C-alpha cells in the first residue's frame, strides 16, 4: 500500500498585526500585543509543521 502524497499550496500571505486585527475579538488589540500574538501563532505553526513532517517520513 502506498502512502498518499500531500501537496501543499500556499498563497503568499503576510501575517502581521494588521492581519490579526481583521478577526473578531482582536480589533482593539494594541500593535504591540497583536505582534506578540502573531509571533506566538508563528511559533505554533512551526511546531505543527515539524510534527507533520516528522510523521510523514
N, C-alpha and C. Protein backbone atom coordinates (compact mmCIF):
# COMPACT_ATOMS: atom_id res chain seq x y z
N UNK A 1 0.85 -1.17 0.00
CA UNK A 1 0.00 0.00 0.00
C UNK A 1 0.89 1.23 0.00
N UNK A 2 0.61 2.16 -0.87
CA UNK A 2 1.45 3.35 -0.98
C UNK A 2 0.89 4.48 -0.11
N UNK A 3 1.78 5.33 0.31
CA UNK A 3 1.38 6.49 1.10
C UNK A 3 0.94 7.61 0.17
N UNK A 4 -0.16 8.24 0.48
CA UNK A 4 -0.59 9.36 -0.36
C UNK A 4 0.37 10.53 -0.20
N UNK A 5 0.59 11.23 -1.27
CA UNK A 5 1.45 12.40 -1.24
C UNK A 5 0.56 13.63 -1.08
N UNK A 6 0.90 14.43 -0.12
CA UNK A 6 0.15 15.66 0.12
C UNK A 6 0.93 16.81 -0.47
N UNK A 7 0.29 17.51 -1.36
CA UNK A 7 0.93 18.67 -1.99
C UNK A 7 0.33 19.92 -1.37
N UNK A 8 1.17 20.71 -0.76
CA UNK A 8 0.70 21.93 -0.12
C UNK A 8 0.78 23.09 -1.09
N UNK A 9 -0.31 23.81 -1.18
CA UNK A 9 -0.34 25.02 -2.00
C UNK A 9 -0.66 26.17 -1.06
N UNK A 10 0.22 27.13 -1.04
CA UNK A 10 0.04 28.24 -0.12
C UNK A 10 0.13 29.55 -0.89
N UNK A 11 -0.82 30.41 -0.63
CA UNK A 11 -0.77 31.74 -1.21
C UNK A 11 0.27 32.55 -0.45
N UNK A 12 0.89 33.46 -1.14
CA UNK A 12 1.83 34.36 -0.48
C UNK A 12 1.02 35.32 0.37
N UNK A 13 1.12 35.16 1.68
CA UNK A 13 0.34 35.98 2.59
C UNK A 13 1.25 36.59 3.64
N UNK A 14 0.83 37.73 4.13
CA UNK A 14 1.56 38.40 5.18
C UNK A 14 0.76 38.28 6.47
N UNK A 15 1.37 37.71 7.48
CA UNK A 15 0.73 37.56 8.76
C UNK A 15 1.38 38.54 9.73
N UNK A 16 0.66 39.60 10.03
CA UNK A 16 1.18 40.62 10.93
C UNK A 16 0.04 41.16 11.79
N UNK A 17 0.30 42.19 12.55
CA UNK A 17 -0.70 42.73 13.45
C UNK A 17 -1.92 43.25 12.70
N UNK A 18 -1.72 43.81 11.53
CA UNK A 18 -2.85 44.31 10.73
C UNK A 18 -3.75 43.16 10.33
N UNK A 19 -3.16 42.05 9.89
CA UNK A 19 -3.92 40.85 9.52
C UNK A 19 -4.70 40.34 10.72
N UNK A 20 -4.04 40.22 11.88
CA UNK A 20 -4.69 39.68 13.07
C UNK A 20 -5.88 40.53 13.48
N UNK A 21 -5.75 41.84 13.37
CA UNK A 21 -6.80 42.73 13.82
C UNK A 21 -8.02 42.73 12.92
N UNK A 22 -7.98 41.99 11.82
CA UNK A 22 -9.16 41.86 10.96
C UNK A 22 -10.11 40.80 11.51
N UNK A 23 -9.68 40.02 12.51
CA UNK A 23 -10.52 38.97 13.09
C UNK A 23 -11.27 39.49 14.30
N UNK A 24 -12.51 39.01 14.43
CA UNK A 24 -13.36 39.40 15.55
C UNK A 24 -12.69 39.05 16.87
N UNK A 25 -12.68 40.03 17.76
CA UNK A 25 -12.07 39.84 19.07
C UNK A 25 -10.67 40.41 19.16
N UNK A 26 -10.05 40.68 18.02
CA UNK A 26 -8.68 41.21 18.01
C UNK A 26 -8.63 42.67 17.54
N UNK A 27 -9.78 43.23 17.18
CA UNK A 27 -9.80 44.58 16.59
C UNK A 27 -9.19 45.65 17.49
N UNK A 28 -9.37 45.53 18.78
CA UNK A 28 -8.92 46.57 19.71
C UNK A 28 -7.56 46.30 20.34
N UNK A 29 -6.87 45.27 19.89
CA UNK A 29 -5.54 44.98 20.42
C UNK A 29 -4.57 46.08 20.01
N UNK A 30 -3.63 46.39 20.91
CA UNK A 30 -2.58 47.33 20.54
C UNK A 30 -1.66 46.66 19.51
N UNK A 31 -0.92 47.45 18.79
CA UNK A 31 0.03 46.90 17.80
C UNK A 31 1.00 45.95 18.48
N UNK A 32 1.49 46.35 19.64
CA UNK A 32 2.48 45.53 20.36
C UNK A 32 1.88 44.18 20.77
N UNK A 33 0.67 44.21 21.32
CA UNK A 33 0.03 42.97 21.75
C UNK A 33 -0.30 42.08 20.55
N UNK A 34 -0.77 42.69 19.47
CA UNK A 34 -1.10 41.93 18.26
C UNK A 34 0.15 41.28 17.68
N UNK A 35 1.26 42.00 17.65
CA UNK A 35 2.51 41.43 17.13
C UNK A 35 2.97 40.25 17.99
N UNK A 36 2.79 40.36 19.31
CA UNK A 36 3.16 39.28 20.21
C UNK A 36 2.32 38.03 19.92
N UNK A 37 1.03 38.22 19.69
CA UNK A 37 0.14 37.11 19.36
C UNK A 37 0.55 36.48 18.03
N UNK A 38 0.86 37.30 17.03
CA UNK A 38 1.29 36.79 15.72
C UNK A 38 2.57 35.97 15.87
N UNK A 39 3.50 36.43 16.67
CA UNK A 39 4.74 35.67 16.91
C UNK A 39 4.43 34.31 17.54
N UNK A 40 3.52 34.29 18.50
CA UNK A 40 3.14 33.04 19.14
C UNK A 40 2.47 32.09 18.14
N UNK A 41 1.64 32.64 17.27
CA UNK A 41 0.99 31.82 16.24
C UNK A 41 2.01 31.25 15.26
N UNK A 42 3.03 32.04 14.92
CA UNK A 42 4.07 31.56 14.02
C UNK A 42 4.88 30.43 14.68
N UNK A 43 5.15 30.56 15.96
CA UNK A 43 5.86 29.51 16.69
C UNK A 43 5.02 28.23 16.72
N UNK A 44 3.73 28.37 16.96
CA UNK A 44 2.84 27.21 16.97
C UNK A 44 2.80 26.56 15.59
N UNK A 45 2.72 27.37 14.55
CA UNK A 45 2.69 26.83 13.18
C UNK A 45 3.97 26.05 12.89
N UNK A 46 5.11 26.54 13.36
CA UNK A 46 6.38 25.84 13.15
C UNK A 46 6.38 24.49 13.87
N UNK A 47 5.85 24.45 15.08
CA UNK A 47 5.78 23.20 15.83
C UNK A 47 4.90 22.20 15.09
N UNK A 48 3.74 22.65 14.64
CA UNK A 48 2.81 21.77 13.94
C UNK A 48 3.44 21.25 12.64
N UNK A 49 4.07 22.13 11.88
CA UNK A 49 4.71 21.72 10.62
C UNK A 49 5.81 20.70 10.87
N UNK A 50 6.63 20.94 11.89
CA UNK A 50 7.70 19.99 12.22
C UNK A 50 7.11 18.62 12.58
N UNK A 51 6.06 18.64 13.36
CA UNK A 51 5.40 17.38 13.76
C UNK A 51 4.85 16.64 12.56
N UNK A 52 4.18 17.36 11.66
CA UNK A 52 3.60 16.74 10.47
C UNK A 52 4.70 16.18 9.57
N UNK A 53 5.77 16.94 9.40
CA UNK A 53 6.86 16.48 8.53
C UNK A 53 7.53 15.25 9.11
N UNK A 54 7.73 15.19 10.40
CA UNK A 54 8.37 14.03 11.02
C UNK A 54 7.47 12.81 10.93
N UNK A 55 6.17 13.03 10.98
CA UNK A 55 5.22 11.93 10.91
C UNK A 55 5.09 11.35 9.52
N UNK A 56 5.45 12.12 8.49
CA UNK A 56 5.27 11.65 7.12
C UNK A 56 6.54 11.07 6.53
N UNK A 57 7.60 10.96 7.32
CA UNK A 57 8.86 10.41 6.80
C UNK A 57 8.82 8.91 6.85
